[in-house]
Amino acid sequence: MLKPTAGALALGLAAALAASAPAAAQQKEFKVGVIYDLTGAYAAGGSQAAAIGTQIAIDMINERGGVEGYKIVAINADAQSKTEVAINEAERLLNDEKVDMLMGFFSSAHCVPVAAKVDAAKKFMWMNVCVASAVLKDKNLKYAFRGQVHSDQFGEASCKFVAEIAQSKLGKDVKDVRVAIVHEDGPYGAGVAKGNKETCSALGLNIVHEEGYAATATDLSALITKLRRARPDVILHTGYNPDITLFLRQAKEAGLKWKALIGHGAGWAQIDKLRETFGKDVDYLFNVDPVAAQLLDPKTLAPGLGEVIQEMVKRYKEQTGVNEVPTHASQGFNQSWYFFTDVLPRAIKKYGGTDPEALRQAALDTDIPEGGTVQGYGVKFNPPGHPMAGQNARSFPVVMQYIGGETKIAWPNSIKTIDPVIPLPAGHTYAP
């Protein structure tokens, strides 16, 4: 099957979203303003995938009869990978479309200002994808909630993974493993890099280079030259899509080598797109992210979630034609699914409606144990007054590795599905 181009996918997604928006009916309606980047640089970095996952969840909920007498009406908006557009669309959906809540949001650069504005207006915001800890840290927001992991956890996971395999895979003491931290310099990249630096330093890893760059950069050759001089064993990289493509291309041209490269979400999760451009060169790369739901053993999840995952994967493949369903599809689906199956029913039944205060109280009551969501983690939100108020305290990322066109779980050991391949095999483009 031919895979759709980004442009075709965006058009198809827009058509699917428009077609799925239900007409007025006798049934009560719960209006959700869904904001993602359907076009622009972030679209191919995972935002389109998350948007599709979110819509699949809404479709499945409506097919089951909706929520407590309400039909979910999605009013979709394209942030166009621009912060000012995301802010304007949020205000339009709340003030003109009169939506009951906002959902979605891929870019942390969008989440930071939008969350502050929505909270100040005492409206309800549910973040499905954006990860920067700065969105919530020390903000004491009351109406903004994020079930997703946060960037400090991304940075911690990759460093812990490297420290654990230092001796067994690299044959070095932790203090002798040379690590480079490279990142786009927005809230997302800077947040992950901060977690990298703090955790790698605490574990005793040797940080030999750290540098940020603009996600819109058109030349990274100077950075790559510095990396060649630093000779890292492991590169920890955080970026979107065009900048990752640029980095890998110029690294190959300049002869940059490494034993392991660990990405952190966004563009690193879009393995089908990377493979289209780089072929086998992306084999054995790692990615830190909340796990793609289909990689989990359904026996470790709550009853019925295995069937839900199968249906989500089936619909995603049918709509996109891809073979590998990226983790961002699960992120968009997962956060939406337990909102509509856990939070919203409680708001209606226990707190008497769908206003922001009812939704807020219902979210704070959420208590889903580990294994209770399609991505494996549980859900319990930090309360007001907590340094990370509104953040899911039970979320966690995993380290995945791409091998032979398939995604495997490499860490943590309790759920891994492969013994990670480190260092890169002899003959690999980037192998020393």
Protein backbone atom coordinates (compact mmCIF):
# COMPACT_ATOMS: atom_id res chain seq x y z
CA MET A 1 0.00 0.00 0.00
CA LEU A 2 1.31 3.43 -0.89
CA LYS A 3 1.85 5.63 2.13
CA PRO A 4 0.21 9.05 1.98
CA THR A 5 2.31 12.17 1.78
CA ALA A 6 2.19 14.65 4.66
CA GLY A 7 0.02 16.95 2.56
CA ALA A 8 -2.36 14.19 1.59
CA LEU A 9 -2.53 12.98 5.16
CA ALA A 10 -3.36 16.49 6.38
CA LEU A 11 -6.12 16.83 3.79
CA GLY A 12 -7.45 13.38 4.58
CA LEU A 13 -7.36 14.08 8.29
CA ALA A 14 -9.18 17.37 7.83
CA ALA A 15 -11.85 15.62 5.77
CA ALA A 16 -12.18 12.82 8.33
CA LEU A 17 -12.48 15.30 11.17
CA ALA A 18 -15.09 17.33 9.31
CA ALA A 19 -17.05 14.22 8.44
CA SER A 20 -16.96 13.00 12.02
CA ALA A 21 -18.36 16.22 13.50
CA PRO A 22 -21.95 15.21 14.27
CA ALA A 23 -24.93 17.24 13.26
CA ALA A 24 -27.29 18.65 15.84
CA ALA A 25 -29.46 15.94 17.32
CA GLN A 26 -31.90 15.38 20.15
CA GLN A 27 -29.13 13.98 22.30
CA LYS A 28 -27.33 16.44 24.59
CA GLU A 29 -23.94 17.55 23.32
CA PHE A 30 -20.58 17.96 25.02
CA LYS A 31 -18.49 20.26 22.85
CA VAL A 32 -14.74 19.70 22.83
CA GLY A 33 -12.36 22.15 21.17
CA VAL A 34 -9.54 19.96 19.84
CA ILE A 35 -6.33 21.80 18.91
CA TYR A 36 -3.44 20.13 17.11
CA ASP A 37 -0.90 21.10 14.45
CA LEU A 38 -2.37 19.60 11.29
CA THR A 39 0.04 21.60 9.12
CA GLY A 40 3.49 23.10 9.57
CA ALA A 41 6.70 21.69 11.03
CA TYR A 42 5.08 19.94 14.00
CA ALA A 43 2.49 18.05 11.97
CA ALA A 44 4.86 15.31 10.81
CA GLY A 45 6.62 15.27 14.19
CA GLY A 46 3.66 13.52 15.78
CA SER A 47 0.85 16.05 15.94
CA GLN A 48 -1.14 14.55 13.06
CA ALA A 49 -0.80 11.11 14.61
CA ALA A 50 -2.07 12.40 17.95
CA ALA A 51 -5.00 14.15 16.26
CA ILE A 52 -6.02 10.93 14.54
CA GLY A 53 -5.74 8.98 17.80
CA THR A 54 -7.88 11.56 19.59
CA GLN A 55 -10.58 11.44 16.92
CA ILE A 56 -10.62 7.63 16.96
CA ALA A 57 -11.30 7.75 20.70
CA ILE A 58 -14.15 10.23 20.21
CA ASP A 59 -15.64 8.13 17.41
CA MET A 60 -15.50 4.95 19.50
CA ILE A 61 -17.08 6.66 22.51
CA ASN A 62 -19.94 8.02 20.39
CA GLU A 63 -20.48 4.62 18.79
CA ARG A 64 -20.94 3.25 22.30
CA GLY A 65 -23.69 5.78 22.92
CA GLY A 66 -21.69 8.72 24.18
CA VAL A 67 -21.22 9.61 27.85
CA GLU A 68 -24.16 9.67 30.28
CA GLY A 69 -26.57 10.91 27.63
CA TYR A 70 -24.10 13.29 25.97
CA LYS A 71 -22.77 12.98 22.44
CA ILE A 72 -19.15 14.16 22.08
CA VAL A 73 -18.89 16.92 19.47
CA ALA A 74 -15.34 17.63 18.38
CA ILE A 75 -14.69 21.11 16.97
CA ASN A 76 -11.22 20.82 15.48
CA ALA A 77 -8.68 23.58 14.97
CA ASP A 78 -5.27 23.68 13.27
CA ALA A 79 -2.60 25.53 15.26
CA GLN A 80 -0.43 25.47 12.11
CA SER A 81 2.71 24.88 14.24
CA LYS A 82 2.54 28.52 15.37
CA THR A 83 2.17 29.63 18.98
CA GLU A 84 0.15 32.74 18.19
CA VAL A 85 -2.28 30.66 16.10
CA ALA A 86 -2.68 28.16 18.93
CA ILE A 87 -3.52 30.98 21.36
CA ASN A 88 -5.97 32.59 18.92
CA GLU A 89 -7.69 29.27 18.18
CA ALA A 90 -8.03 28.51 21.89
CA GLU A 91 -9.69 31.86 22.47
CA ARG A 92 -11.95 31.43 19.43
CA LEU A 93 -13.10 27.98 20.50
CA LEU A 94 -13.85 29.13 24.04
CA ASN A 95 -15.41 32.49 23.26
CA ASP A 96 -17.07 32.00 19.87
CA GLU A 97 -17.72 28.28 19.61
CA LYS A 98 -18.56 28.07 23.33
CA VAL A 99 -16.88 24.70 23.75
CA ASP A 100 -17.10 22.99 27.15
CA MET A 101 -13.35 22.32 27.25
CA LEU A 102 -10.12 22.35 25.25
CA MET A 103 -8.23 19.15 24.44
CA GLY A 104 -5.18 18.12 22.44
CA PHE A 105 -2.03 20.27 22.13
CA PHE A 106 1.17 18.80 20.73
CA SER A 107 3.79 21.50 21.19
CA SER A 108 5.01 22.56 24.61
CA ALA A 109 5.63 26.02 23.17
CA HIS A 110 1.86 26.22 22.72
CA CYS A 111 0.90 24.61 26.02
CA VAL A 112 2.85 27.06 28.19
CA PRO A 113 0.97 30.24 27.19
CA VAL A 114 -2.39 28.58 26.42
CA ALA A 115 -2.56 26.81 29.79
CA ALA A 116 -1.90 30.06 31.63
CA LYS A 117 -4.58 31.91 29.67
CA VAL A 118 -7.19 29.16 29.96
CA ASP A 119 -6.61 28.79 33.69
CA ALA A 120 -6.87 32.53 34.26
CA ALA A 121 -10.23 32.45 32.48
CA LYS A 122 -11.32 29.50 34.68
CA LYS A 123 -11.93 27.30 31.67
CA PHE A 124 -10.95 23.62 31.46
CA MET A 125 -7.91 22.35 29.52
CA TRP A 126 -6.86 18.72 29.02
CA MET A 127 -3.38 18.23 27.51
CA ASN A 128 -2.80 15.03 25.57
CA VAL A 129 0.76 15.30 24.27
CA CYS A 130 2.93 18.32 25.22
CA VAL A 131 5.58 17.34 27.76
CA ALA A 132 7.51 20.39 29.02
CA SER A 133 7.57 20.41 32.81
CA ALA A 134 7.48 24.21 32.58
CA VAL A 135 3.81 24.05 31.52
CA LEU A 136 2.79 23.25 35.10
CA LYS A 137 5.83 23.52 37.35
CA ASP A 138 5.32 26.09 40.13
CA LYS A 139 2.30 27.56 38.28
CA ASN A 140 -0.39 26.17 40.63
CA LEU A 141 -2.88 25.99 37.76
CA LYS A 142 -6.31 24.74 38.80
CA TYR A 143 -8.11 24.03 35.52
CA ALA A 144 -5.25 22.62 33.41
CA PHE A 145 -4.53 18.88 33.57
CA ARG A 146 -1.96 16.67 31.88
CA GLY A 147 -2.10 12.87 31.94
CA GLN A 148 1.00 12.72 29.74
CA VAL A 149 4.52 12.29 31.15
CA HIS A 150 6.58 15.44 31.63
CA SER A 151 9.99 16.39 30.27
CA ASP A 152 11.89 15.85 33.52
CA GLN A 153 10.86 12.19 33.28
CA PHE A 154 12.12 11.95 29.67
CA GLY A 155 15.53 13.28 30.67
CA GLU A 156 15.70 11.02 33.70
CA ALA A 157 14.77 7.86 31.77
CA SER A 158 17.48 8.08 29.12
CA CYS A 159 20.23 8.78 31.66
CA LYS A 160 19.12 5.96 33.97
CA PHE A 161 19.05 3.60 31.00
CA VAL A 162 22.59 4.57 29.95
CA ALA A 163 23.90 4.19 33.50
CA GLU A 164 22.31 0.73 33.81
CA ILE A 165 23.87 -0.60 30.59
CA ALA A 166 27.25 1.16 30.93
CA GLN A 167 29.18 -1.88 32.10
CA SER A 168 27.23 -4.65 30.39
CA LYS A 169 26.93 -3.05 26.94
CA LEU A 170 29.66 -0.40 26.72
CA GLY A 171 32.21 -2.12 28.92
CA LYS A 172 32.81 1.09 30.88
CA ASP A 173 32.30 2.40 34.37
CA VAL A 174 29.48 4.93 34.51
CA LYS A 175 31.95 7.80 35.05
CA ASP A 176 33.78 6.89 31.84
CA VAL A 177 30.73 6.92 29.54
CA ARG A 178 30.90 10.07 27.38
CA VAL A 179 27.49 11.67 26.86
CA ALA A 180 26.45 14.59 24.62
CA ILE A 181 23.15 16.42 25.18
CA VAL A 182 21.75 18.09 22.05
CA HIS A 183 18.33 19.74 21.80
CA GLU A 184 16.05 22.23 20.10
CA ASP A 185 15.92 25.28 22.34
CA GLY A 186 12.14 25.65 22.88
CA PRO A 187 10.35 24.64 26.13
CA TYR A 188 10.20 21.01 25.00
CA GLY A 189 13.86 20.56 24.10
CA ALA A 190 15.17 22.71 26.92
CA GLY A 191 12.98 20.88 29.44
CA VAL A 192 14.18 17.43 28.40
CA ALA A 193 17.80 18.60 28.27
CA LYS A 194 17.50 20.00 31.78
CA GLY A 195 16.34 16.58 32.99
CA ASN A 196 19.21 14.97 31.06
CA LYS A 197 21.82 17.21 32.60
CA GLU A 198 20.55 16.91 36.17
CA THR A 199 20.11 13.13 36.10
CA CYS A 200 23.24 12.27 34.08
CA SER A 201 25.31 14.47 36.40
CA ALA A 202 23.77 12.90 39.51
CA LEU A 203 24.52 9.42 38.18
CA GLY A 204 28.14 10.34 37.42
CA LEU A 205 28.02 10.11 33.62
CA ASN A 206 30.61 12.22 31.81
CA ILE A 207 28.81 15.02 29.91
CA VAL A 208 31.25 16.05 27.18
CA HIS A 209 29.03 18.46 25.25
CA GLU A 210 25.70 20.24 25.69
CA GLU A 211 24.11 22.56 23.13
CA GLY A 212 20.73 23.87 22.03
CA TYR A 213 19.71 25.12 18.59
CA ALA A 214 16.63 26.62 16.94
CA ALA A 215 14.17 23.99 15.69
CA THR A 216 13.98 26.03 12.46
CA ALA A 217 17.75 25.85 11.89
CA THR A 218 18.82 25.20 8.32
CA ASP A 219 22.42 24.21 9.07
CA LEU A 220 23.71 22.16 12.00
CA SER A 221 27.20 21.52 10.63
CA ALA A 222 28.92 23.60 13.33
CA LEU A 223 27.19 21.57 16.04
CA ILE A 224 28.17 18.32 14.35
CA THR A 225 31.79 19.44 14.14
CA LYS A 226 31.77 20.06 17.90
CA LEU A 227 30.29 16.62 18.48
CA ARG A 228 33.00 14.99 16.39
CA ARG A 229 35.61 16.67 18.57
CA ALA A 230 33.80 15.67 21.79
CA ARG A 231 33.66 11.96 20.74
CA PRO A 232 30.56 10.97 22.73
CA ASP A 233 29.68 7.32 23.26
CA VAL A 234 26.01 8.27 23.58
CA ILE A 235 24.10 11.20 22.09
CA LEU A 236 20.90 12.29 23.85
CA HIS A 237 18.88 14.26 21.30
CA THR A 238 15.59 16.13 21.57
CA GLY A 239 14.00 17.62 18.46
CA TYR A 240 11.00 17.73 16.18
CA ASN A 241 11.00 16.52 12.57
CA PRO A 242 12.81 18.79 10.09
CA ASP A 243 15.67 19.40 12.54
CA ILE A 244 16.09 15.66 13.23
CA THR A 245 16.21 14.97 9.51
CA LEU A 246 18.80 17.72 9.08
CA PHE A 247 20.87 16.41 11.99
CA LEU A 248 20.98 12.82 10.71
CA ARG A 249 21.75 13.88 7.13
CA GLN A 250 24.58 16.24 8.07
CA ALA A 251 25.94 13.78 10.66
CA LYS A 252 26.22 11.14 7.93
CA GLU A 253 27.88 13.56 5.54
CA ALA A 254 30.39 14.67 8.18
CA GLY A 255 31.15 11.15 9.40
CA LEU A 256 29.86 11.65 12.96
CA LYS A 257 29.87 8.35 14.84
CA TRP A 258 28.29 7.12 18.05
CA LYS A 259 27.64 3.90 19.96
CA ALA A 260 24.06 4.81 20.80
CA LEU A 261 21.70 7.66 19.97
CA ILE A 262 18.67 8.15 22.20
CA GLY A 263 15.91 10.48 21.03
CA HIS A 264 13.14 11.88 23.19
CA GLY A 265 9.71 11.75 21.57
CA ALA A 266 8.32 14.06 18.85
CA GLY A 267 10.13 13.40 15.56
CA TRP A 268 12.06 10.45 16.98
CA ALA A 269 8.77 8.61 17.43
CA GLN A 270 7.86 8.88 13.74
CA ILE A 271 9.89 5.87 12.65
CA ASP A 272 7.98 5.32 9.38
CA LYS A 273 8.82 8.86 8.27
CA LEU A 274 12.46 8.51 9.31
CA ARG A 275 12.75 5.18 7.51
CA GLU A 276 11.31 6.67 4.33
CA THR A 277 14.20 9.13 4.32
CA PHE A 278 17.08 7.17 5.85
CA GLY A 279 16.24 3.50 5.33
CA LYS A 280 18.29 1.12 7.48
CA ASP A 281 20.32 4.00 8.88
CA VAL A 282 17.65 4.46 11.56
CA ASP A 283 17.84 0.86 12.71
CA TYR A 284 19.05 0.52 16.33
CA LEU A 285 18.20 4.11 17.26
CA PHE A 286 16.37 4.58 20.57
CA ASN A 287 13.40 6.71 21.55
CA VAL A 288 12.11 7.69 24.99
CA ASP A 289 8.34 8.11 25.05
CA PRO A 290 5.19 6.85 26.67
CA VAL A 291 4.86 3.40 25.17
CA ALA A 292 2.91 2.75 21.99
CA ALA A 293 -0.10 0.82 23.32
CA GLN A 294 0.22 -2.11 20.89
CA LEU A 295 3.67 -2.98 22.26
CA LEU A 296 2.33 -3.89 25.69
CA ASP A 297 1.21 -7.35 26.74
CA PRO A 298 -2.57 -6.92 27.10
CA LYS A 299 -2.49 -9.40 29.99
CA THR A 300 -0.78 -6.70 32.07
CA LEU A 301 -3.66 -4.28 31.48
CA ALA A 302 -7.16 -3.99 32.92
CA PRO A 303 -9.76 -6.33 31.34
CA GLY A 304 -11.06 -5.10 27.99
CA LEU A 305 -8.20 -2.70 27.23
CA GLY A 306 -6.52 -5.20 24.91
CA GLU A 307 -9.58 -5.17 22.66
CA VAL A 308 -9.71 -1.36 22.80
CA ILE A 309 -6.07 -1.19 21.66
CA GLN A 310 -6.71 -3.60 18.80
CA GLU A 311 -9.57 -1.47 17.54
CA MET A 312 -7.55 1.74 17.84
CA VAL A 313 -4.62 0.24 15.90
CA LYS A 314 -6.94 -1.19 13.24
CA ARG A 315 -8.62 2.17 12.63
CA TYR A 316 -5.34 4.09 12.63
CA LYS A 317 -3.82 1.80 10.00
CA GLU A 318 -6.96 1.95 7.88
CA GLN A 319 -6.97 5.75 7.95
CA THR A 320 -3.27 6.29 7.29
CA GLY A 321 -1.95 3.23 5.47
CA VAL A 322 1.10 3.02 7.71
CA ASN A 323 2.57 -0.20 9.06
CA GLU A 324 4.02 1.19 12.30
CA VAL A 325 1.53 3.01 14.55
CA PRO A 326 3.53 5.74 16.34
CA THR A 327 3.34 6.37 20.06
CA HIS A 328 1.72 9.77 19.46
CA ALA A 329 -1.39 7.97 18.19
CA SER A 330 -1.57 6.18 21.55
CA GLN A 331 -0.98 9.43 23.42
CA GLY A 332 -3.82 11.20 21.64
CA PHE A 333 -6.09 8.19 22.10
CA ASN A 334 -5.16 7.30 25.67
CA GLN A 335 -5.63 10.70 27.28
CA SER A 336 -8.93 11.11 25.44
CA TRP A 337 -10.17 7.62 26.29
CA TYR A 338 -9.84 7.82 30.05
CA PHE A 339 -11.17 11.37 30.09
CA PHE A 340 -14.37 10.21 28.41
CA THR A 341 -14.65 6.90 30.30
CA ASP A 342 -13.55 8.05 33.77
CA VAL A 343 -13.48 11.83 34.27
CA LEU A 344 -16.49 13.04 32.30
CA PRO A 345 -18.95 10.43 33.68
CA ARG A 346 -17.92 11.42 37.22
CA ALA A 347 -18.35 15.13 36.47
CA ILE A 348 -21.89 14.51 35.25
CA LYS A 349 -22.98 12.01 37.90
CA LYS A 350 -21.16 13.24 41.01
CA TYR A 351 -20.69 16.95 40.34
CA GLY A 352 -23.84 17.67 38.44
CA GLY A 353 -22.71 18.72 34.98
CA THR A 354 -20.01 19.60 32.49
CA ASP A 355 -18.96 23.07 33.63
CA PRO A 356 -15.24 23.73 34.33
CA GLU A 357 -15.62 23.33 38.08
CA ALA A 358 -17.35 19.96 37.74
CA LEU A 359 -14.67 18.78 35.31
CA ARG A 360 -11.92 20.02 37.65
CA GLN A 361 -13.32 18.23 40.66
CA ALA A 362 -13.86 15.04 38.66
CA ALA A 363 -10.28 15.12 37.37
CA LEU A 364 -8.90 15.52 40.90
CA ASP A 365 -10.89 12.45 41.97
CA THR A 366 -9.32 10.29 39.25
CA ASP A 367 -7.58 7.25 40.73
CA ILE A 368 -6.62 4.75 38.03
CA PRO A 369 -4.04 2.12 39.07
CA GLU A 370 -1.06 1.02 36.98
CA GLY A 371 -2.30 -1.09 34.08
CA GLY A 372 -5.55 0.83 33.95
CA THR A 373 -4.85 2.75 30.73
CA VAL A 374 -3.89 1.63 27.24
CA GLN A 375 -0.36 2.95 27.79
CA GLY A 376 0.12 0.98 30.97
CA TYR A 377 0.51 3.75 33.50
CA GLY A 378 -2.06 4.80 36.09
CA VAL A 379 -3.61 8.23 36.62
CA LYS A 380 -3.65 10.36 39.75
CA PHE A 381 -3.33 14.14 39.43
CA ASN A 382 -1.26 16.25 41.79
CA PRO A 383 -3.59 18.57 43.77
CA PRO A 384 -3.54 22.38 43.97
CA GLY A 385 -0.54 23.60 45.97
CA HIS A 386 1.73 20.84 44.66
CA PRO A 387 4.78 22.08 42.68
CA MET A 388 3.40 20.14 39.67
CA ALA A 389 -0.32 20.73 40.29
CA GLY A 390 -2.42 19.15 37.52
CA GLN A 391 0.28 16.66 36.46
CA ASN A 392 -0.39 12.93 36.41
CA ALA A 393 1.86 11.57 39.16
CA ARG A 394 1.58 7.98 37.86
CA SER A 395 2.76 8.50 34.28
CA PHE A 396 6.08 7.11 33.07
CA PRO A 397 7.99 6.80 29.77
CA VAL A 398 9.89 3.82 28.40
CA VAL A 399 12.96 3.44 26.20
CA MET A 400 12.22 1.83 22.84
CA GLN A 401 14.58 0.62 20.10
CA TYR A 402 13.91 0.29 16.37
CA ILE A 403 15.15 -3.02 14.97
CA GLY A 404 14.42 -4.41 11.52
CA GLY A 405 11.40 -2.19 10.99
CA GLU A 406 9.85 -2.99 14.35
CA THR A 407 9.69 -1.13 17.66
CA LYS A 408 10.78 -3.00 20.78
CA ILE A 409 10.77 -2.03 24.47
CA ALA A 410 14.35 -1.85 25.77
CA TRP A 411 13.74 -0.41 29.27
CA PRO A 412 12.61 -0.67 32.03
CA ASN A 413 13.60 -4.28 32.55
CA SER A 414 10.21 -5.19 34.04
CA ILE A 415 8.43 -4.79 30.69
CA LYS A 416 11.23 -4.93 28.11
CA THR A 417 10.67 -7.08 25.02
CA ILE A 418 14.26 -7.10 23.74
CA ASP A 419 17.82 -7.10 24.99
CA PRO A 420 18.96 -3.70 23.63
CA VAL A 421 21.56 -3.71 20.87
CA ILE A 422 24.46 -1.49 22.02
CA PRO A 423 26.87 -0.50 20.60
CA LEU A 424 25.75 -0.16 16.99
CA PRO A 425 26.62 -3.26 14.94
CA ALA A 426 29.74 -3.14 12.78
CA GLY A 427 28.97 -1.78 9.34
CA HIS A 428 26.15 0.53 10.48
CA THR A 429 26.38 3.99 8.95
CA TYR A 430 26.93 5.68 12.31
CA ALA A 431 28.96 2.91 14.01
CA PRO A 432 32.47 3.91 15.17
